[in-house]
C-alpha atoms as a PDB file:
ATOM      1  CA  MET A   1     -12.927  -6.102   3.940  1.00  0.00           C
ATOM      2  CA  GLU A   2     -10.005  -6.968   1.794  1.00  0.00           C
ATOM      3  CA  ARG A   3      -9.998  -9.902  -0.696  1.00  0.00           C
ATOM      4  CA  ARG A   4      -7.896 -12.607   1.068  1.00  0.00           C
ATOM      5  CA  SER A   5      -4.683 -13.702  -0.819  1.00  0.00           C
ATOM      6  CA  SER A   6      -2.488 -16.729   0.068  1.00  0.00           C
ATOM      7  CA  ILE A   7      -0.086 -14.638   2.145  1.00  0.00           C
ATOM      8  CA  ARG A   8      -2.988 -13.286   4.187  1.00  0.00           C
ATOM      9  CA  ASN A   9      -4.470 -16.799   4.645  1.00  0.00           C
ATOM     10  CA  VAL A  10      -1.068 -17.702   6.478  1.00  0.00           C
ATOM     11  CA  THR A  11      -0.986 -14.804   8.560  1.00  0.00           C
ATOM     12  CA  GLU A  12      -4.564 -15.781  10.225  1.00  0.00           C
ATOM     13  CA  PRO A  13      -4.041 -17.351  13.569  1.00  0.00           C
ATOM     14  CA  ASP A  14      -5.417 -21.032  12.721  1.00  0.00           C
ATOM     15  CA  SER A  15      -4.579 -24.400  14.527  1.00  0.00           C
ATOM     16  CA  ARG A  16      -4.645 -25.822  11.181  1.00  0.00           C
ATOM     17  CA  LEU A  17      -1.494 -24.319  10.230  1.00  0.00           C
ATOM     18  CA  VAL A  18       1.491 -26.653  10.145  1.00  0.00           C
ATOM     19  CA  GLY A  19       5.152 -26.723   9.188  1.00  0.00           C
ATOM     20  CA  ALA A  20       6.295 -24.087   6.672  1.00  0.00           C
ATOM     21  CA  ASP A  21       2.944 -22.456   6.705  1.00  0.00           C
ATOM     22  CA  ARG A  22       3.072 -21.992  10.538  1.00  0.00           C
ATOM     23  CA  VAL A  23       6.697 -20.428  10.226  1.00  0.00           C
ATOM     24  CA  LEU A  24       5.648 -18.136   7.524  1.00  0.00           C
ATOM     25  CA  ALA A  25       2.657 -16.919   9.773  1.00  0.00           C
ATOM     26  CA  VAL A  26       4.905 -16.417  12.652  1.00  0.00           C
ATOM     27  CA  LEU A  27       7.183 -14.387  10.300  1.00  0.00           C
ATOM     28  CA  ALA A  28       4.403 -12.358   8.950  1.00  0.00           C
ATOM     29  CA  GLU A  29       3.211 -11.641  12.592  1.00  0.00           C
ATOM     30  CA  LEU A  30       6.793 -10.660  13.634  1.00  0.00           C
ATOM     31  CA  ALA A  31       6.765  -7.818  10.775  1.00  0.00           C
ATOM     32  CA  ARG A  32       3.760  -6.136  12.493  1.00  0.00           C
ATOM     33  CA  HIS A  33       6.018  -5.362  15.892  1.00  0.00           C
ATOM     34  CA  PRO A  34       8.819  -3.176  14.608  1.00  0.00           C
ATOM     35  CA  GLN A  35       9.406  -2.303  18.219  1.00  0.00           C
ATOM     36  CA  GLY A  36      10.027  -6.272  19.017  1.00  0.00           C
ATOM     37  CA  VAL A  37       7.562  -8.651  20.567  1.00  0.00           C
ATOM     38  CA  GLY A  38       7.874 -11.298  23.436  1.00  0.00           C
ATOM     39  CA  LEU A  39       7.324 -14.954  22.955  1.00  0.00           C
ATOM     40  CA  GLU A  40       4.051 -14.749  25.313  1.00  0.00           C
ATOM     41  CA  ASP A  41       2.656 -11.915  23.215  1.00  0.00           C
ATOM     42  CA  MET A  42       3.613 -13.552  19.901  1.00  0.00           C
ATOM     43  CA  ALA A  43       1.916 -16.733  21.290  1.00  0.00           C
ATOM     44  CA  ARG A  44      -1.238 -14.950  22.153  1.00  0.00           C
ATOM     45  CA  ALA A  45      -1.399 -13.196  18.523  1.00  0.00           C
ATOM     46  CA  MET A  46      -0.827 -16.421  16.733  1.00  0.00           C
ATOM     47  CA  ALA A  47      -3.205 -18.232  19.145  1.00  0.00           C
ATOM     48  CA  SER A  48      -0.686 -21.138  19.466  1.00  0.00           C
ATOM     49  CA  PRO A  49       1.247 -22.679  22.294  1.00  0.00           C
ATOM     50  CA  LYS A  50       4.314 -21.037  23.202  1.00  0.00           C
ATOM     51  CA  PRO A  51       6.675 -24.072  22.621  1.00  0.00           C
ATOM     52  CA  THR A  52       4.940 -24.279  19.212  1.00  0.00           C
ATOM     53  CA  VAL A  53       5.537 -20.679  18.267  1.00  0.00           C
ATOM     54  CA  HIS A  54       9.160 -20.787  20.019  1.00  0.00           C
ATOM     55  CA  ARG A  55      10.244 -23.663  17.457  1.00  0.00           C
ATOM     56  CA  CYS A  56       8.911 -21.358  14.606  1.00  0.00           C
ATOM     57  CA  LEU A  57      10.930 -18.271  15.960  1.00  0.00           C
ATOM     58  CA  ALA A  58      14.082 -20.502  16.442  1.00  0.00           C
ATOM     59  CA  ALA A  59      13.809 -21.716  12.740  1.00  0.00           C
ATOM     60  CA  LEU A  60      13.561 -17.992  11.562  1.00  0.00           C
ATOM     61  CA  ARG A  61      16.561 -17.237  13.753  1.00  0.00           C
ATOM     62  CA  ARG A  62      18.594 -19.899  12.105  1.00  0.00           C
ATOM     63  CA  ALA A  63      17.954 -18.570   8.878  1.00  0.00           C
ATOM     64  CA  GLY A  64      18.788 -14.874  10.016  1.00  0.00           C
ATOM     65  CA  PHE A  65      15.141 -13.994   9.529  1.00  0.00           C
ATOM     66  CA  ALA A  66      14.549 -13.066  13.352  1.00  0.00           C
ATOM     67  CA  THR A  67      16.735 -12.008  15.995  1.00  0.00           C
ATOM     68  CA  GLN A  68      16.175 -11.079  19.754  1.00  0.00           C
ATOM     69  CA  ASP A  69      17.093  -7.439  21.104  1.00  0.00           C
ATOM     70  CA  GLY A  70      18.895  -6.869  24.271  1.00  0.00           C
ATOM     71  CA  TYR A  71      15.521  -7.256  26.160  1.00  0.00           C
ATOM     72  CA  GLY A  72      14.795 -10.589  24.813  1.00  0.00           C
ATOM     73  CA  ARG A  73      11.989  -9.261  22.263  1.00  0.00           C
ATOM     74  CA  TYR A  74      12.097 -10.853  18.824  1.00  0.00           C
ATOM     75  CA  VAL A  75      12.511  -8.569  15.696  1.00  0.00           C
ATOM     76  CA  LEU A  76      13.287  -9.168  12.199  1.00  0.00           C
ATOM     77  CA  GLY A  77      16.679 -10.409  11.376  1.00  0.00           C
ATOM     78  CA  ASP A  78      19.039  -8.399   9.243  1.00  0.00           C
ATOM     79  CA  GLU A  79      19.262 -11.173   6.660  1.00  0.00           C
ATOM     80  CA  PHE A  80      15.378 -10.865   5.938  1.00  0.00           C
ATOM     81  CA  LEU A  81      15.580  -6.925   5.871  1.00  0.00           C
ATOM     82  CA  ARG A  82      18.773  -7.444   3.379  1.00  0.00           C
ATOM     83  CA  LEU A  83      16.613  -9.639   1.126  1.00  0.00           C
ATOM     84  CA  ALA A  84      13.812  -7.394   1.188  1.00  0.00           C
ATOM     85  CA  PHE A  85      15.416  -4.353   0.517  1.00  0.00           C
ATOM     86  CA  THR A  86      17.689  -5.833  -2.403  1.00  0.00           C
ATOM     87  CA  HIS A  87      14.796  -7.295  -3.895  1.00  0.00           C
ATOM     88  CA  HIS A  88      12.826  -4.112  -3.874  1.00  0.00           C
ATOM     89  CA  GLU A  89      15.570  -1.961  -5.091  1.00  0.00           C
ATOM     90  CA  ALA A  90      16.369  -4.496  -7.847  1.00  0.00           C
ATOM     91  CA  ARG A  91      12.484  -4.542  -9.177  1.00  0.00           C
ATOM     92  CA  PRO A  92      11.932  -3.421 -12.553  1.00  0.00           C
ATOM     93  CA  ASP A  93       8.872  -0.952 -11.717  1.00  0.00           C
ATOM     94  CA  HIS A  94      10.755   0.523  -9.020  1.00  0.00           C
ATOM     95  CA  LEU A  95      13.667   1.358 -11.193  1.00  0.00           C
ATOM     96  CA  ARG A  96      11.482   2.444 -13.884  1.00  0.00           C
ATOM     97  CA  VAL A  97       9.346   4.838 -11.597  1.00  0.00           C
ATOM     98  CA  LEU A  98      11.995   6.289  -9.565  1.00  0.00           C
ATOM     99  CA  PRO A  99      13.385   9.188 -12.039  1.00  0.00           C
ATOM    100  CA  VAL A 100       9.560  10.257 -12.072  1.00  0.00           C
ATOM    101  CA  LEU A 101       8.928  10.097  -8.503  1.00  0.00           C
ATOM    102  CA  GLU A 102      12.157  12.044  -7.973  1.00  0.00           C
ATOM    103  CA  ALA A 103      11.063  14.539 -10.403  1.00  0.00           C
ATOM    104  CA  LEU A 104       7.779  14.915  -8.621  1.00  0.00           C
ATOM    105  CA  CYS A 105       9.002  15.179  -5.142  1.00  0.00           C
ATOM    106  CA  GLU A 106      11.294  17.899  -6.269  1.00  0.00           C
ATOM    107  CA  ARG A 107       8.812  19.911  -7.761  1.00  0.00           C
ATOM    108  CA  TYR A 108       6.113  19.662  -5.411  1.00  0.00           C
ATOM    109  CA  GLY A 109       8.104  19.026  -2.162  1.00  0.00           C
ATOM    110  CA  GLU A 110       5.738  16.232  -1.171  1.00  0.00           C
ATOM    111  CA  THR A 111       5.491  12.652  -0.702  1.00  0.00           C
ATOM    112  CA  VAL A 112       5.113  10.535  -3.691  1.00  0.00           C
ATOM    113  CA  HIS A 113       4.061   6.853  -4.361  1.00  0.00           C
ATOM    114  CA  TYR A 114       3.874   4.170  -7.115  1.00  0.00           C
ATOM    115  CA  ALA A 115       1.096   1.584  -6.236  1.00  0.00           C
ATOM    116  CA  THR A 116      -0.771  -1.201  -7.772  1.00  0.00           C
ATOM    117  CA  LEU A 117      -4.010  -2.763  -7.233  1.00  0.00           C
ATOM    118  CA  ASP A 118      -4.646  -6.191  -5.330  1.00  0.00           C
ATOM    119  CA  GLY A 119      -8.227  -6.822  -4.933  1.00  0.00           C
ATOM    120  CA  ARG A 120      -9.821  -4.216  -2.450  1.00  0.00           C
ATOM    121  CA  SER A 121      -6.659  -2.892  -1.472  1.00  0.00           C
ATOM    122  CA  VAL A 122      -3.510  -0.767  -3.198  1.00  0.00           C
ATOM    123  CA  VAL A 123      -0.094  -1.922  -2.591  1.00  0.00           C
ATOM    124  CA  TYR A 124       2.663   0.759  -2.463  1.00  0.00           C
ATOM    125  CA  ARG A 125       5.490  -0.435  -4.495  1.00  0.00           C
ATOM    126  CA  SER A 126       7.616   2.619  -4.063  1.00  0.00           C
ATOM    127  CA  LYS A 127       7.568   5.410  -2.042  1.00  0.00           C
ATOM    128  CA  LEU A 128       9.764   8.768  -1.921  1.00  0.00           C
ATOM    129  CA  ASP A 129       9.826  11.649   0.737  1.00  0.00           C
ATOM    130  CA  PRO A 130      11.448  15.076   0.141  1.00  0.00           C
ATOM    131  CA  PRO A 131      14.527  15.869   2.065  1.00  0.00           C
ATOM    132  CA  SER A 132      12.574  18.092   4.527  1.00  0.00           C
ATOM    133  CA  GLY A 133       8.760  19.049   5.251  1.00  0.00           C
ATOM    134  CA  ALA A 134       7.429  15.927   4.521  1.00  0.00           C
ATOM    135  CA  VAL A 135       4.254  15.126   6.449  1.00  0.00           C
ATOM    136  CA  ARG A 136       4.487  11.604   8.088  1.00  0.00           C
ATOM    137  CA  LEU A 137       1.829   9.323   6.256  1.00  0.00           C
ATOM    138  CA  THR A 138       0.828   5.954   7.265  1.00  0.00           C
ATOM    139  CA  SER A 139       1.928   4.466   3.678  1.00  0.00           C
ATOM    140  CA  MET A 140       4.701   2.372   3.547  1.00  0.00           C
ATOM    141  CA  VAL A 141       6.604   0.423   0.980  1.00  0.00           C
ATOM    142  CA  GLY A 142       4.612  -2.983   0.968  1.00  0.00           C
ATOM    143  CA  GLY A 143       1.785  -1.366   2.944  1.00  0.00           C
ATOM    144  CA  ARG A 144      -1.743  -1.523   1.948  1.00  0.00           C
ATOM    145  CA  ASN A 145      -4.815   0.869   2.079  1.00  0.00           C
ATOM    146  CA  PRO A 146      -8.239   0.563   1.083  1.00  0.00           C
ATOM    147  CA  ALA A 147      -8.712   1.242  -2.770  1.00  0.00           C
ATOM    148  CA  HIS A 148     -11.868   3.159  -2.576  1.00  0.00           C
ATOM    149  CA  THR A 149     -10.594   5.783  -0.182  1.00  0.00           C
ATOM    150  CA  THR A 150      -7.309   6.338  -2.052  1.00  0.00           C
ATOM    151  CA  ALA A 151      -6.496   8.380  -5.322  1.00  0.00           C
ATOM    152  CA  VAL A 152      -4.594   5.481  -6.767  1.00  0.00           C
ATOM    153  CA  GLY A 153      -7.123   2.915  -5.888  1.00  0.00           C
ATOM    154  CA  LYS A 154     -10.133   4.931  -7.174  1.00  0.00           C
ATOM    155  CA  LEU A 155      -8.140   5.703 -10.576  1.00  0.00           C
ATOM    156  CA  LEU A 156      -7.016   1.922 -10.976  1.00  0.00           C
ATOM    157  CA  LEU A 157     -10.750   0.601  -9.938  1.00  0.00           C
ATOM    158  CA  SER A 158     -12.010   3.037 -12.617  1.00  0.00           C
ATOM    159  CA  PHE A 159     -10.608   0.858 -15.410  1.00  0.00           C
ATOM    160  CA  GLU A 160     -11.889  -2.432 -13.925  1.00  0.00           C
ATOM    161  CA  LEU A 161     -15.088  -1.504 -12.824  1.00  0.00           C
ATOM    162  CA  THR A 162     -17.056   0.153 -15.607  1.00  0.00           C
ATOM    163  CA  SER A 163     -20.566  -0.197 -14.496  1.00  0.00           C
ATOM    164  CA  ALA A 164     -22.727   0.230 -11.648  1.00  0.00           C
ATOM    165  CA  GLN A 165     -23.341  -3.382 -11.530  1.00  0.00           C
ATOM    166  CA  ALA A 166     -19.604  -4.257 -11.498  1.00  0.00           C
ATOM    167  CA  VAL A 167     -19.156  -1.939  -8.657  1.00  0.00           C
ATOM    168  CA  GLN A 168     -22.096  -3.488  -6.719  1.00  0.00           C
ATOM    169  CA  ALA A 169     -20.625  -6.904  -7.115  1.00  0.00           C
ATOM    170  CA  TRP A 170     -17.092  -5.747  -6.021  1.00  0.00           C
ATOM    171  CA  VAL A 171     -18.770  -4.123  -2.910  1.00  0.00           C
ATOM    172  CA  GLY A 172     -20.931  -7.181  -2.326  1.00  0.00           C
ATOM    173  CA  ASP A 173     -22.488  -7.377   1.098  1.00  0.00           C
ATOM    174  CA  SER A 174     -19.806  -5.933   3.073  1.00  0.00           C
ATOM    175  CA  GLU A 175     -19.831  -2.277   4.364  1.00  0.00           C
ATOM    176  CA  LEU A 176     -17.041   0.116   2.834  1.00  0.00           C
ATOM    177  CA  ASP A 177     -14.492   1.116   5.194  1.00  0.00           C
ATOM    178  CA  THR A 178     -15.076   5.006   6.146  1.00  0.00           C
ATOM    179  CA  PRO A 179     -11.646   6.065   7.741  1.00  0.00           C
ATOM    180  CA  THR A 180     -12.802   9.696   7.381  1.00  0.00           C
ATOM    181  CA  PRO A 181     -16.181  11.618   7.153  1.00  0.00           C
ATOM    182  CA  ARG A 182     -15.443  12.323   3.463  1.00  0.00           C
ATOM    183  CA  SER A 183     -14.785   8.699   2.441  1.00  0.00           C
ATOM    184  CA  VAL A 184     -17.477   7.083   0.106  1.00  0.00           C
ATOM    185  CA  ALA A 185     -19.690   4.875   2.081  1.00  0.00           C
ATOM    186  CA  THR A 186     -21.878   3.224  -0.585  1.00  0.00           C
ATOM    187  CA  ALA A 187     -21.791   1.299  -3.790  1.00  0.00           C
ATOM    188  CA  GLY A 188     -23.563   4.130  -5.681  1.00  0.00           C
ATOM    189  CA  GLN A 189     -21.309   6.683  -4.229  1.00  0.00           C
ATOM    190  CA  LEU A 190     -18.358   4.806  -5.270  1.00  0.00           C
ATOM    191  CA  TRP A 191     -19.723   4.325  -8.879  1.00  0.00           C
ATOM    192  CA  ASP A 192     -20.323   8.165  -9.154  1.00  0.00           C
ATOM    193  CA  GLU A 193     -16.768   8.548  -8.119  1.00  0.00           C
ATOM    194  CA  LEU A 194     -15.390   5.951 -10.448  1.00  0.00           C
ATOM    195  CA  ARG A 195     -17.110   7.388 -13.206  1.00  0.00           C
ATOM    196  CA  ILE A 196     -15.993  10.752 -12.965  1.00  0.00           C
ATOM    197  CA  THR A 197     -12.333   9.580 -12.216  1.00  0.00           C
ATOM    198  CA  HIS A 198     -12.245   7.732 -15.513  1.00  0.00           C
ATOM    199  CA  GLU A 199     -13.619  10.463 -17.478  1.00  0.00           C
ATOM    200  CA  ARG A 200     -11.090  13.056 -16.236  1.00  0.00           C
ATOM    201  CA  GLY A 201      -8.122  10.341 -16.217  1.00  0.00           C
ATOM    202  CA  PHE A 202      -6.905  11.120 -12.853  1.00  0.00           C
ATOM    203  CA  GLY A 203      -7.980  10.048  -9.353  1.00  0.00           C
ATOM    204  CA  VAL A 204      -8.231  12.390  -6.308  1.00  0.00           C
ATOM    205  CA  ASP A 205      -8.425  11.749  -2.472  1.00  0.00           C
ATOM    206  CA  ASP A 206      -9.736  14.715  -0.717  1.00  0.00           C
ATOM    207  CA  GLN A 207      -8.997  13.914   2.993  1.00  0.00           C
ATOM    208  CA  GLU A 208     -10.736  10.696   2.353  1.00  0.00           C
ATOM    209  CA  ASN A 209      -7.959   8.298   3.736  1.00  0.00           C
ATOM    210  CA  GLU A 210      -6.378  10.506   6.295  1.00  0.00           C
ATOM    211  CA  PRO A 211      -7.775  13.626   7.638  1.00  0.00           C
ATOM    212  CA  GLY A 212      -5.738  16.421   6.375  1.00  0.00           C
ATOM    213  CA  VAL A 213      -4.152  14.823   3.749  1.00  0.00           C
ATOM    214  CA  ASN A 214      -4.894  15.316   0.018  1.00  0.00           C
ATOM    215  CA  CYS A 215      -3.726  13.002  -2.811  1.00  0.00           C
ATOM    216  CA  LEU A 216      -3.876  13.084  -6.654  1.00  0.00           C
ATOM    217  CA  ALA A 217      -2.768  10.214  -8.858  1.00  0.00           C
ATOM    218  CA  VAL A 218      -2.203   9.595 -12.570  1.00  0.00           C
ATOM    219  CA  PRO A 219      -1.939   6.218 -14.285  1.00  0.00           C
ATOM    220  CA  ALA A 220       1.473   4.627 -14.984  1.00  0.00           C
ATOM    221  CA  TYR A 221       1.808   2.280 -18.193  1.00  0.00           C
ATOM    222  CA  LEU A 222       4.712   0.366 -17.591  1.00  0.00           C
ATOM    223  CA  THR A 223       3.608  -2.827 -19.279  1.00  0.00           C
ATOM    224  CA  SER A 224       0.848  -1.817 -21.726  1.00  0.00           C
ATOM    225  CA  PRO A 225       0.068   1.273 -23.598  1.00  0.00           C
ATOM    226  CA  THR A 226      -3.648   1.016 -22.764  1.00  0.00           C
ATOM    227  CA  ALA A 227      -3.975  -0.952 -19.531  1.00  0.00           C
ATOM    228  CA  PRO A 228      -2.054   1.076 -16.498  1.00  0.00           C
ATOM    229  CA  SER A 229       0.269  -1.261 -14.569  1.00  0.00           C
ATOM    230  CA  GLY A 230      -0.287   1.220 -11.549  1.00  0.00           C
ATOM    231  CA  ALA A 231      -0.654   4.598 -10.411  1.00  0.00           C
ATOM    232  CA  ILE A 232       2.017   7.327  -9.485  1.00  0.00           C
ATOM    233  CA  SER A 233       0.642   9.924  -6.799  1.00  0.00           C
ATOM    234  CA  ILE A 234       1.517  12.933  -4.849  1.00  0.00           C
ATOM    235  CA  SER A 235       0.434  13.290  -1.318  1.00  0.00           C
ATOM    236  CA  GLY A 236       0.576  16.406   0.816  1.00  0.00           C
ATOM    237  CA  LEU A 237      -1.210  18.526   3.580  1.00  0.00           C
ATOM    238  CA  ALA A 238      -4.464  20.032   2.694  1.00  0.00           C
ATOM    239  CA  TYR A 239      -3.620  23.420   3.964  1.00  0.00           C
ATOM    240  CA  ARG A 240       0.029  23.354   2.139  1.00  0.00           C
ATOM    241  CA  THR A 241      -0.977  21.614  -0.868  1.00  0.00           C
ATOM    242  CA  PRO A 242      -4.876  22.400  -1.440  1.00  0.00           C
ATOM    243  CA  ILE A 243      -6.269  19.363  -3.628  1.00  0.00           C
ATOM    244  CA  GLU A 244      -7.412  22.434  -6.063  1.00  0.00           C
ATOM    245  CA  LYS A 245      -3.743  23.227  -6.637  1.00  0.00           C
ATOM    246  CA  LEU A 246      -2.853  19.549  -7.501  1.00  0.00           C
ATOM    247  CA  VAL A 247      -5.714  19.385 -10.004  1.00  0.00           C
ATOM    248  CA  ALA A 248      -4.870  22.593 -11.797  1.00  0.00           C
ATOM    249  CA  ASP A 249      -1.501  21.197 -12.145  1.00  0.00           C
ATOM    250  CA  VAL A 250      -2.303  17.909 -13.748  1.00  0.00           C
ATOM    251  CA  PRO A 251      -0.978  18.904 -17.302  1.00  0.00           C
ATOM    252  CA  ALA A 252       2.527  19.540 -15.748  1.00  0.00           C
ATOM    253  CA  ILE A 253       2.120  16.176 -13.485  1.00  0.00           C
ATOM    254  CA  ARG A 254       1.201  14.184 -16.797  1.00  0.00           C
ATOM    255  CA  ALA A 255       4.193  15.999 -18.808  1.00  0.00           C
ATOM    256  CA  ILE A 256       6.491  14.922 -15.821  1.00  0.00           C
ATOM    257  CA  VAL A 257       5.470  11.401 -16.114  1.00  0.00           C
ATOM    258  CA  ALA A 258       5.515  10.997 -19.946  1.00  0.00           C
ATOM    259  CA  GLY A 259       8.915  13.023 -20.126  1.00  0.00           C
ATOM    260  CA  GLN A 260      10.579  10.247 -17.986  1.00  0.00           C
ATOM    261  CA  GLU A 261      10.456   7.903 -21.087  1.00  0.00           C
ATOM    262  CA  LEU A 262       8.972   5.081 -19.399  1.00  0.00           C
ATOM    263  CA  PRO A 263       9.342   1.977 -21.375  1.00  0.00           C
END
């Protein structure tokens, strides 16, 4: 369903992958197993011979990007995690939205995100949980969710898909994923949703991506005064933070975002 990017291409098991591409594919697959994965399971996931996968893992271990736990399972190495976290913490967009996320998190006591649009998906660039009481969401920094089922995705799509024809071309012949019964399922439904979203200037996810979880998103203008670079959202349990409460508080949410003096 998602548009394939270059990084996704190298994560697909494919006998044509060679050299650095295969090592990168093994690294990407390894990242999907936070609890660790054995060589045999890794080879099966990669659809590659065990000796080939073992050589890739050996190269990653030499670079510190992979290691083995006490049970012999392979996990991401500390050097890879150090580079990833250092890069993330130093990203300009993360630094610039962090004060906004902190203010919103403190006010609402819910999880907040900054996300950008990448084809058919949204990518979470920053995430902040309150000290206590947060619902555990499936989102993670660097993770993806379908754009059409998320508040941030629908908001950002509303700036790009400005006609029914554009929405139909974006959907194409593929079926839209429907994670919950509330998810939009057709190009017509998505166009109606995007039109309303653009008119009101904020996006909502009324239990459309995860059952029992609401979300509201407003645009973030980090690189242009007219085109949003991404969206900032507040996600919470529907019974605790009804979507109606967030919608009623949109002026305050916008004021918090504007008051942080994002350059």
